[in-house]
């Protein structure tokens, strides 16, 4: 995949580093220094802020993804007024949010009766939302300039490093909870300033033009139509993925939200390659549709499925084989609250299966979203939200957190099935081969064999033994069946040139 593979590897490294730091934050530092209630408070702020920040963009992000190359091609960076126009719309969106929040503040507080801490600190959601909105706005232009590696470093790694510093400040008694929440609400200030500097010093972005150009006059109705449909689709998709936290907070309380947040984060480790591939593939796919290079689109689809399925199986196996050891560690480190993390085990398993299904369908959403059939992206996301919200409410009310995990599994399976069938019927795109099926079956069978290996009383030793055995066996299957040639070559290259080269020194 050329540039996608090269940048995807770099991006994955930064995201992986960020996930490791995030894991230390969520699985070690937060349980050590914060109660489950306070952990749930931070998680609720993150999910609510993410949803509201996308709402505030009012559809500008997909417009930038699709039309920014046209503006730069016809006008050049210095005469491109798209940054100015989209910023104004973002500010209008945030102003609208503030007005709605002010008019409904009593209703918001009333509905947070089971989460009084969130009601106390709810106003901190607004600065968090604002700075995240500005970061998303800048990130959209950075993606168009193929700076996805840098933005992924800022969003996935730098933000988590800053979070670590704030948590340690609490642990050292330098900050209390009030001060932590105030500083955390502005956690995106530094990444945003760094991204502004990076874009300002590049040759492809400028914030100097405020005059409406002929390109805007010619494309305005097309952009408006596109923005409304795709924005609604993306917002529905995000709402479907984050409404579970809001429902837990309202129905169960912040302590349960912290349990679900840990389970979600652990299963979200599987999203690392998908996140990096998304940011890199969007501009390439958009250009391929523009150039009518259907062969490249088909190639990207096939390779994304092959690589993401293989990586997803590796990560799912490592997570599932070690989840009980993780729970033992959490119960040990949070002794002040008496543990209570055992409920994570089945939730992680079910949500891991959901993530595996999502990974195994590759960049289907990005292909649809950058094509002329982007309206279908809206309808599938609408289908997702219509399905997930009532399903989430019913299952969490009747079956608690495990019900919510099953809801995620069912919704993601149906959602991706619809997208797969659309690409197959409309473009005859079918990325799967017999090798994928054989590799899937044998990988699961090998997971089961490793799972039944007797455990020791030392959870650190258990993690080392099962991870090494599964990793070596998985590598053997990857080489033997070869479902993802590029991934196999990448792993072999790393072992030959990096690992073995280091050992020979």
Foldseek 3Di string as FASTA:
>chain_A
DPPLVVQLVLLLVLLLQLLVLVCCVLQFLCLQQHDLLLLLLVVLLVLVLVLLLLQLLLLLLLLLLQCVVVQCVVPNAQARQSLVVSVVSSVVSLVVVVVVCVVCLVVVCVLLVQNNVCNVLVVLSSLLNVLVSLLSSLLSNCLLVVNLSLSSNLPRPVLSVVVVVLSVCSVVVVDPSVRSSNVNSNSNVVVSVVSVVVQPPDRGHDNNHDDDDPVCVVCVVVSNVLSNLLSLLVSLLSCLVRVLSVLCSSPPRSSLSSLVVSLVSLLCSLCSSVVSSLSNCLNVLLVCQVVVVVVVVLVQQLLQLLVSLLSLLLSLLLCLLQVVLSQVSSCVSNVVVNRPNVVSNLLNNLLSLLVSLVSNRGVLLSNCCSHPNVSVSSVLSVVLNVQQPVQSNVQCNPPNSSSNSNSSNVSSNVSSVVSQVCCCVPVVRDNDDVLSVVLVVVSVVVSVVLSPDDDDPNSVVSSVVSSVVSVVVSLVSCVPSVSNVVVNVVVVCCCVPPVVVVVVD
